[in-house]
């Protein structure tokens, strides 16, 4: 900020303080200061509008009055970071108004330092993000419904194929001239019906208790997803090469991880309309402890200038065929489980393709607790 027409003099500091106080008071963001014991020292007008307290009601009170009881542990960790001189940027959490209503906020917290260089408290700048969170939830729900529709269409296709085969095999068995040939046709028909049953069991497993966390071996999950997409993989002339090194089970939501894997596999299939190799590797990660997944295709690839945007909402390289929120939701779900996802791609002829890298920690609960205390 540049100050003009402010002459030097003994009242310069006072004038600066008045100016800064006016800026704080007129800000649309909630600006609060507290000491290192969590006692509120200052409170601007926007904070009053956001939380419902007048300054005279809240100054001198504990900041815990604004924090839901189950999140009180956040304050201890925040104060510990402040005492260490650390700044906390754009931390998203939940706070509570005077009337008891909970709401989402994004808060930046900075240490307050006196003239002697000592940390004496903290300044919090908070912005309500309830509307943004609601919009994100609607987008996620929309993509989940779309993903369910895509999966349902794929499953219908996968079930129809073996059912058609069963009809033909039963006809052949009925018209067979020998008992042995009839038995052979019936045995093959039983195998096809078992495939239908397997797909149905998988589907029920995906969407029953979709958010429940349980131990999951990612190798099994990948194989189940590939089974569902086997018809499309075969029709496109795609070869699947899987390499599953020894890896531990992770604790996560099966339904959400199926959505992650099926979205990426479906994208790879779409990108390889003329065939190619789809490679999927899974291995143990030791530092930090977890599992790494690499999904690599030989599709048309993503332009370098677009790679930075592939996880943005509403960005798509599929034109009218894409919703533009699939990979954005994938990123949300991976990060919800405390993981990370990145992507690299090439578009050069004979070398084109996309590789998606995913890391998932052993327990998403530990990751969630870590996120809550930042």
Protein backbone atom coordinates (compact mmCIF):
# COMPACT_ATOMS: atom_id res chain seq x y z
CA UNK A 1 0.00 0.00 0.00
CA UNK A 2 1.39 3.40 -0.97
CA UNK A 3 0.65 6.44 1.26
CA UNK A 4 0.69 9.89 -0.30
CA UNK A 5 0.61 13.42 1.10
CA UNK A 6 1.44 12.22 4.61
CA UNK A 7 4.06 14.55 6.07
CA UNK A 8 6.59 13.37 8.64
CA UNK A 9 5.96 14.39 12.19
CA UNK A 10 5.36 13.13 15.73
CA UNK A 11 1.80 12.17 14.88
CA UNK A 12 2.73 10.00 11.87
CA UNK A 13 2.52 6.76 13.87
CA UNK A 14 -0.85 7.73 15.28
CA UNK A 15 -2.15 8.60 11.84
CA UNK A 16 -0.89 5.30 10.43
CA UNK A 17 -2.57 3.40 13.26
CA UNK A 18 -5.84 5.22 12.63
CA UNK A 19 -5.61 4.47 8.92
CA UNK A 20 -4.90 0.77 9.50
CA UNK A 21 -7.71 0.60 12.05
CA UNK A 22 -10.08 2.11 9.49
CA UNK A 23 -8.98 -0.44 6.89
CA UNK A 24 -9.52 -3.32 9.32
CA UNK A 25 -12.94 -2.02 10.39
CA UNK A 26 -14.16 -1.53 6.82
CA UNK A 27 -12.92 -4.90 5.56
CA UNK A 28 -15.48 -7.38 4.24
CA UNK A 29 -13.43 -10.18 5.81
CA UNK A 30 -13.62 -11.07 9.47
CA UNK A 31 -10.40 -9.90 11.16
CA UNK A 32 -9.77 -11.05 14.71
CA UNK A 33 -6.70 -10.94 16.92
CA UNK A 34 -6.01 -13.12 19.95
CA UNK A 35 -3.20 -13.66 22.45
CA UNK A 36 -1.22 -16.86 22.85
CA UNK A 37 -3.78 -18.15 25.35
CA UNK A 38 -6.53 -17.93 22.74
CA UNK A 39 -8.19 -14.85 24.28
CA UNK A 40 -9.78 -12.50 21.73
CA UNK A 41 -8.17 -9.04 21.75
CA UNK A 42 -9.80 -7.30 18.77
CA UNK A 43 -12.91 -7.77 16.65
CA UNK A 44 -13.92 -5.90 13.50
CA UNK A 45 -17.42 -5.19 12.16
CA UNK A 46 -17.25 -8.02 9.62
CA UNK A 47 -16.51 -10.47 12.44
CA UNK A 48 -19.66 -9.23 14.17
CA UNK A 49 -21.72 -9.83 11.04
CA UNK A 50 -20.19 -13.27 10.50
CA UNK A 51 -20.41 -14.63 14.05
CA UNK A 52 -23.28 -12.56 15.49
CA UNK A 53 -21.39 -11.18 18.50
CA UNK A 54 -20.87 -7.51 19.25
CA UNK A 55 -17.29 -6.57 20.09
CA UNK A 56 -18.22 -5.85 23.76
CA UNK A 57 -19.64 -9.38 24.08
CA UNK A 58 -16.68 -11.28 22.72
CA UNK A 59 -13.46 -9.32 23.38
CA UNK A 60 -11.79 -10.90 26.40
CA UNK A 61 -13.49 -14.24 25.77
CA UNK A 62 -11.85 -17.46 24.57
CA UNK A 63 -11.71 -18.12 20.83
CA UNK A 64 -13.14 -21.54 21.66
CA UNK A 65 -16.59 -19.94 21.79
CA UNK A 66 -16.42 -19.79 17.98
CA UNK A 67 -15.22 -23.37 17.50
CA UNK A 68 -17.44 -26.49 17.62
CA UNK A 69 -16.59 -28.60 20.64
CA UNK A 70 -15.37 -31.57 18.61
CA UNK A 71 -12.87 -29.26 16.86
CA UNK A 72 -11.41 -27.67 20.00
CA UNK A 73 -8.24 -29.69 19.43
CA UNK A 74 -7.56 -27.47 16.41
CA UNK A 75 -6.84 -24.52 18.66
CA UNK A 76 -4.03 -26.29 20.54
CA UNK A 77 -2.31 -27.16 17.29
CA UNK A 78 -2.84 -23.68 15.85
CA UNK A 79 -1.35 -22.05 18.94
CA UNK A 80 1.62 -24.43 18.84
CA UNK A 81 2.32 -23.44 15.23
CA UNK A 82 1.98 -19.75 16.06
CA UNK A 83 4.43 -20.01 18.96
CA UNK A 84 6.85 -21.55 16.45
CA UNK A 85 6.37 -18.52 14.20
CA UNK A 86 4.47 -20.41 11.49
CA UNK A 87 1.74 -18.94 9.33
CA UNK A 88 -1.38 -20.91 8.36
CA UNK A 89 -2.79 -20.09 4.92
CA UNK A 90 -6.36 -20.63 3.67
CA UNK A 91 -7.22 -23.32 6.18
CA UNK A 92 -10.77 -24.56 5.61
CA UNK A 93 -12.76 -25.58 8.67
CA UNK A 94 -16.09 -25.15 10.47
CA UNK A 95 -17.00 -22.46 12.98
CA UNK A 96 -20.15 -21.65 14.94
CA UNK A 97 -22.26 -18.48 15.19
CA UNK A 98 -23.82 -17.02 18.32
CA UNK A 99 -27.15 -18.64 17.44
CA UNK A 100 -25.48 -22.08 17.21
CA UNK A 101 -25.45 -22.27 13.40
CA UNK A 102 -22.39 -23.96 11.92
CA UNK A 103 -20.79 -22.66 8.74
CA UNK A 104 -17.73 -23.21 6.55
CA UNK A 105 -14.88 -20.73 6.58
CA UNK A 106 -11.44 -20.28 5.08
CA UNK A 107 -9.02 -18.69 7.54
CA UNK A 108 -5.47 -17.36 7.30
CA UNK A 109 -3.64 -17.03 10.61
CA UNK A 110 -0.45 -15.02 11.09
CA UNK A 111 1.73 -14.46 14.19
CA UNK A 112 1.61 -11.01 15.81
CA UNK A 113 5.13 -9.82 16.62
CA UNK A 114 5.99 -6.91 18.94
CA UNK A 115 8.80 -4.38 18.46
CA UNK A 116 11.19 -6.70 20.26
CA UNK A 117 10.57 -9.55 17.85
CA UNK A 118 8.50 -11.54 20.31
CA UNK A 119 5.37 -13.41 19.22
CA UNK A 120 2.53 -12.07 21.33
CA UNK A 121 -0.54 -13.39 19.57
CA UNK A 122 -2.18 -14.00 16.24
CA UNK A 123 -4.23 -12.26 13.59
CA UNK A 124 -7.00 -14.25 11.90
CA UNK A 125 -8.55 -13.24 8.59
CA UNK A 126 -11.64 -15.36 7.89
CA UNK A 127 -13.98 -15.58 4.92
CA UNK A 128 -17.20 -17.57 4.81
CA UNK A 129 -17.21 -20.23 2.07
CA UNK A 130 -20.55 -21.91 2.75
CA UNK A 131 -21.95 -21.17 -0.72
CA UNK A 132 -18.80 -22.43 -2.40
CA UNK A 133 -18.91 -25.64 -0.36
CA UNK A 134 -22.56 -26.18 -1.26
CA UNK A 135 -21.74 -25.72 -4.94
CA UNK A 136 -18.86 -28.18 -4.66
CA UNK A 137 -21.16 -30.73 -3.01
CA UNK A 138 -23.71 -30.30 -5.80
CA UNK A 139 -21.01 -30.78 -8.42
CA UNK A 140 -19.72 -33.90 -6.68
CA UNK A 141 -23.25 -35.30 -6.42
CA UNK A 142 -23.86 -34.49 -10.09
CA UNK A 143 -20.69 -36.30 -11.14
CA UNK A 144 -21.49 -39.25 -8.87
CA UNK A 145 -24.87 -39.59 -10.53
CA UNK A 146 -23.26 -39.30 -13.96
CA UNK A 147 -20.63 -41.87 -12.99
CA UNK A 148 -23.36 -44.19 -11.73
CA UNK A 149 -25.17 -43.80 -15.06
CA UNK A 150 -22.01 -44.56 -17.03
CA UNK A 151 -21.28 -47.57 -14.87
CA UNK A 152 -24.88 -48.80 -15.19
CA UNK A 153 -24.73 -48.55 -18.98
CA UNK A 154 -21.43 -50.41 -19.03
CA UNK A 155 -22.73 -53.10 -16.68
CA UNK A 156 -25.87 -53.53 -18.80
CA UNK A 157 -23.63 -54.05 -21.83
CA UNK A 158 -21.41 -56.51 -19.96
CA UNK A 159 -24.41 -58.48 -18.71
CA UNK A 160 -26.12 -58.59 -22.11
CA UNK A 161 -23.11 -60.21 -23.76
CA UNK A 162 -22.99 -63.33 -21.56
CA UNK A 163 -26.81 -63.54 -21.50
CA UNK A 164 -26.84 -63.64 -25.31
CA UNK A 165 -24.20 -66.34 -25.15
CA UNK A 166 -26.29 -68.30 -22.64
CA UNK A 167 -29.32 -68.16 -24.93
CA UNK A 168 -27.25 -69.51 -27.83
CA UNK A 169 -25.65 -72.22 -25.69
CA UNK A 170 -29.01 -73.38 -24.34
CA UNK A 171 -30.33 -73.61 -27.88
CA UNK A 172 -27.29 -75.66 -28.89
CA UNK A 173 -27.72 -77.89 -25.83
CA UNK A 174 -31.40 -78.42 -26.60
CA UNK A 175 -30.70 -79.38 -30.21
CA UNK A 176 -27.60 -81.50 -29.48
CA UNK A 177 -27.66 -85.06 -30.69
CA UNK A 178 -25.49 -86.42 -27.89
CA UNK A 179 -25.65 -86.05 -24.11
CA UNK A 180 -21.94 -85.22 -23.83
CA UNK A 181 -22.15 -82.27 -26.22
CA UNK A 182 -25.28 -80.99 -24.44
CA UNK A 183 -23.44 -81.16 -21.09
CA UNK A 184 -20.51 -79.25 -22.58
CA UNK A 185 -22.80 -76.46 -23.79
CA UNK A 186 -24.55 -76.32 -20.39
CA UNK A 187 -21.20 -76.11 -18.53
CA UNK A 188 -20.14 -73.20 -20.72
CA UNK A 189 -23.52 -71.54 -20.10
CA UNK A 190 -22.97 -71.95 -16.33
CA UNK A 191 -19.62 -70.16 -16.65
CA UNK A 192 -21.28 -67.25 -18.46
CA UNK A 193 -24.00 -67.05 -15.79
CA UNK A 194 -21.33 -67.01 -13.09
CA UNK A 195 -19.79 -64.01 -14.86
CA UNK A 196 -23.17 -62.25 -14.77
CA UNK A 197 -23.48 -63.09 -11.07
CA UNK A 198 -19.96 -61.78 -10.41
CA UNK A 199 -20.69 -58.46 -12.13
CA UNK A 200 -23.95 -58.12 -10.16
CA UNK A 201 -22.17 -58.81 -6.85
CA UNK A 202 -19.48 -56.27 -7.70
CA UNK A 203 -22.08 -53.63 -8.51
CA UNK A 204 -23.93 -54.16 -5.23
CA UNK A 205 -20.61 -53.96 -3.40
CA UNK A 206 -19.75 -50.65 -5.09
CA UNK A 207 -22.89 -48.80 -4.11
CA UNK A 208 -23.92 -50.40 -0.83
CA UNK A 209 -22.60 -48.28 2.06
CA UNK A 210 -20.76 -46.14 -0.46
CA UNK A 211 -19.12 -43.95 2.18
CA UNK A 212 -18.25 -46.66 4.70
CA UNK A 213 -14.52 -47.13 5.26
CA UNK A 214 -13.11 -50.66 5.33
CA UNK A 215 -9.82 -52.46 4.57
CA UNK A 216 -9.33 -52.60 0.79
CA UNK A 217 -6.72 -54.38 -1.31
CA UNK A 218 -6.36 -52.13 -4.35
CA UNK A 219 -5.30 -55.03 -6.55
CA UNK A 220 -8.73 -56.61 -6.12
CA UNK A 221 -10.48 -53.30 -6.75
CA UNK A 222 -8.58 -52.72 -10.01
CA UNK A 223 -9.40 -56.22 -11.22
CA UNK A 224 -13.08 -55.71 -10.46
CA UNK A 225 -13.13 -52.41 -12.39
CA UNK A 226 -11.37 -54.06 -15.35
CA UNK A 227 -13.96 -56.83 -15.33
CA UNK A 228 -16.75 -54.28 -15.68
CA UNK A 229 -14.99 -52.55 -18.59
CA UNK A 230 -13.77 -55.75 -20.26
CA UNK A 231 -16.26 -55.47 -23.13
CA UNK A 232 -15.15 -51.95 -24.06
CA UNK A 233 -11.49 -52.90 -23.64
CA UNK A 234 -11.87 -55.84 -26.01
CA UNK A 235 -13.93 -53.88 -28.54
CA UNK A 236 -11.27 -51.15 -28.68
CA UNK A 237 -8.47 -53.66 -29.18
CA UNK A 238 -6.78 -52.66 -25.93
CA UNK A 239 -4.33 -54.94 -24.13
CA UNK A 240 -4.21 -54.64 -20.34
CA UNK A 241 -0.86 -55.18 -18.60
CA UNK A 242 -1.12 -55.31 -14.80
CA UNK A 243 1.81 -55.45 -12.41
CA UNK A 244 0.77 -55.82 -8.78
CA UNK A 245 3.72 -55.81 -6.41
CA UNK A 246 3.20 -56.79 -2.79
CA UNK A 247 1.21 -54.00 -1.13
CA UNK A 248 -0.83 -53.61 2.08
CA UNK A 249 -4.56 -53.04 2.34
CA UNK A 250 -5.65 -49.45 2.91
CA UNK A 251 -8.62 -48.21 4.94
CA UNK A 252 -10.91 -46.25 2.65
CA UNK A 253 -14.35 -45.98 1.04
CA UNK A 254 -14.67 -48.73 -1.56
CA UNK A 255 -17.37 -46.94 -3.53
CA UNK A 256 -15.36 -43.73 -3.77
CA UNK A 257 -12.18 -45.49 -4.85
CA UNK A 258 -14.14 -47.43 -7.48
CA UNK A 259 -15.33 -44.07 -8.81
CA UNK A 260 -11.72 -42.85 -8.94
CA UNK A 261 -10.40 -45.94 -10.72
CA UNK A 262 -13.34 -46.36 -13.10
CA UNK A 263 -13.15 -42.71 -14.16
CA UNK A 264 -9.45 -42.98 -15.00
CA UNK A 265 -9.80 -46.35 -16.74
CA UNK A 266 -12.79 -45.04 -18.74
CA UNK A 267 -10.75 -41.99 -19.80
CA UNK A 268 -7.91 -44.26 -20.95
CA UNK A 269 -10.32 -46.42 -22.96
CA UNK A 270 -11.81 -43.31 -24.60
CA UNK A 271 -8.30 -42.07 -25.46
CA UNK A 272 -7.33 -45.39 -27.10
CA UNK A 273 -10.13 -45.79 -29.61
CA UNK A 274 -7.64 -47.40 -32.02
CA UNK A 275 -6.15 -49.79 -29.48
CA UNK A 276 -2.98 -49.80 -27.45
CA UNK A 277 -1.68 -50.97 -24.09
CA UNK A 278 -3.16 -49.98 -20.75
CA UNK A 279 -0.60 -50.55 -17.98
CA UNK A 280 -1.60 -50.54 -14.33
CA UNK A 281 1.02 -50.85 -11.61
CA UNK A 282 0.49 -50.98 -7.85
CA UNK A 283 3.27 -51.01 -5.28
CA UNK A 284 3.95 -50.33 -1.63
CA UNK A 285 5.10 -46.87 -0.55
CA UNK A 286 7.21 -46.61 2.58
CA UNK A 287 7.73 -42.90 3.20
CA UNK A 288 5.02 -41.96 3.88
CA UNK A 289 3.42 -45.37 4.32
CA UNK A 290 0.79 -46.12 1.71
CA UNK A 291 0.20 -47.47 -1.78
CA UNK A 292 1.19 -46.02 -5.16
CA UNK A 293 -0.89 -46.60 -8.31
CA UNK A 294 0.29 -45.81 -11.83
CA UNK A 295 -2.19 -46.01 -14.73
CA UNK A 296 -0.57 -45.46 -18.13
CA UNK A 297 -2.25 -45.53 -21.54
CA UNK A 298 -1.13 -45.09 -25.15
CA UNK A 299 -3.95 -42.77 -26.07
CA UNK A 300 -3.98 -39.44 -27.87
CA UNK A 301 -2.62 -37.61 -24.83
CA UNK A 302 -3.24 -34.15 -23.40
CA UNK A 303 -1.56 -31.02 -24.75
CA UNK A 304 1.12 -29.59 -22.47
CA UNK A 305 -0.72 -26.28 -22.14
CA UNK A 306 -3.79 -28.16 -20.89
CA UNK A 307 -2.15 -30.44 -18.31
CA UNK A 308 -2.27 -27.80 -15.57
CA UNK A 309 -6.05 -27.52 -16.07
CA UNK A 310 -7.14 -31.17 -16.25
CA UNK A 311 -8.22 -31.21 -12.59
CA UNK A 312 -10.11 -27.90 -12.86
CA UNK A 313 -13.92 -28.06 -12.74
CA UNK A 314 -15.66 -27.81 -16.14
CA UNK A 315 -12.43 -28.30 -18.12
CA UNK A 316 -12.63 -31.12 -20.66
CA UNK A 317 -10.70 -32.27 -23.71
CA UNK A 318 -13.66 -34.36 -24.95
CA UNK A 319 -15.79 -31.53 -26.32
CA UNK A 320 -19.51 -32.20 -25.96
CA UNK A 321 -18.81 -35.76 -24.77
CA UNK A 322 -17.28 -34.69 -21.44
CA UNK A 323 -18.82 -33.10 -18.34
CA UNK A 324 -15.58 -31.42 -17.30
CA UNK A 325 -15.96 -32.43 -13.66
CA UNK A 326 -14.88 -36.09 -13.70
CA UNK A 327 -11.20 -35.57 -12.92
CA UNK A 328 -12.02 -32.69 -10.59
CA UNK A 329 -14.17 -35.05 -8.51
CA UNK A 330 -11.45 -37.73 -8.72
CA UNK A 331 -8.99 -35.25 -7.21
CA UNK A 332 -11.47 -34.31 -4.47
CA UNK A 333 -11.99 -37.97 -3.56
CA UNK A 334 -8.28 -38.82 -3.57
CA UNK A 335 -7.47 -35.81 -1.37
CA UNK A 336 -10.44 -36.64 0.87
CA UNK A 337 -8.61 -39.89 1.62
CA UNK A 338 -5.41 -37.97 2.40
CA UNK A 339 -3.82 -38.90 -0.92
CA UNK A 340 -2.30 -37.15 -3.92
CA UNK A 341 -2.91 -37.42 -7.67
CA UNK A 342 -0.81 -36.06 -10.54
CA UNK A 343 -0.82 -36.49 -14.30
CA UNK A 344 1.71 -36.38 -17.12
CA UNK A 345 1.01 -36.68 -20.84
CA UNK A 346 2.49 -36.53 -24.34
CA UNK A 347 0.86 -35.98 -27.73
CA UNK A 348 3.76 -36.76 -30.10
CA UNK A 349 2.94 -39.44 -32.70
CA UNK A 350 4.19 -42.92 -31.73
CA UNK A 351 4.90 -41.65 -28.18
CA UNK A 352 1.54 -40.28 -27.13
CA UNK A 353 -0.22 -41.28 -23.95
CA UNK A 354 -1.17 -40.24 -20.44
CA UNK A 355 0.05 -41.48 -17.07
CA UNK A 356 -1.87 -40.89 -13.85
CA UNK A 357 -0.03 -41.26 -10.54
CA UNK A 358 -1.99 -41.79 -7.31
CA UNK A 359 -0.71 -42.12 -3.76
CA UNK A 360 -3.05 -43.28 -1.00
CA UNK A 361 -2.01 -43.49 2.68
CA UNK A 362 -2.67 -46.64 4.68
CA UNK A 363 -5.45 -45.00 6.69
CA UNK A 364 -7.54 -42.07 5.51
CA UNK A 365 -8.56 -41.48 9.16
CA UNK A 366 -5.02 -40.50 10.04
CA UNK A 367 -4.92 -38.17 7.05
CA UNK A 368 -8.25 -36.62 8.03
CA UNK A 369 -7.04 -35.98 11.56
CA UNK A 370 -3.90 -34.38 10.14
CA UNK A 371 -5.99 -32.08 7.93
CA UNK A 372 -8.19 -31.07 10.84
CA UNK A 373 -5.32 -29.75 12.92
CA UNK A 374 -3.53 -27.65 10.33
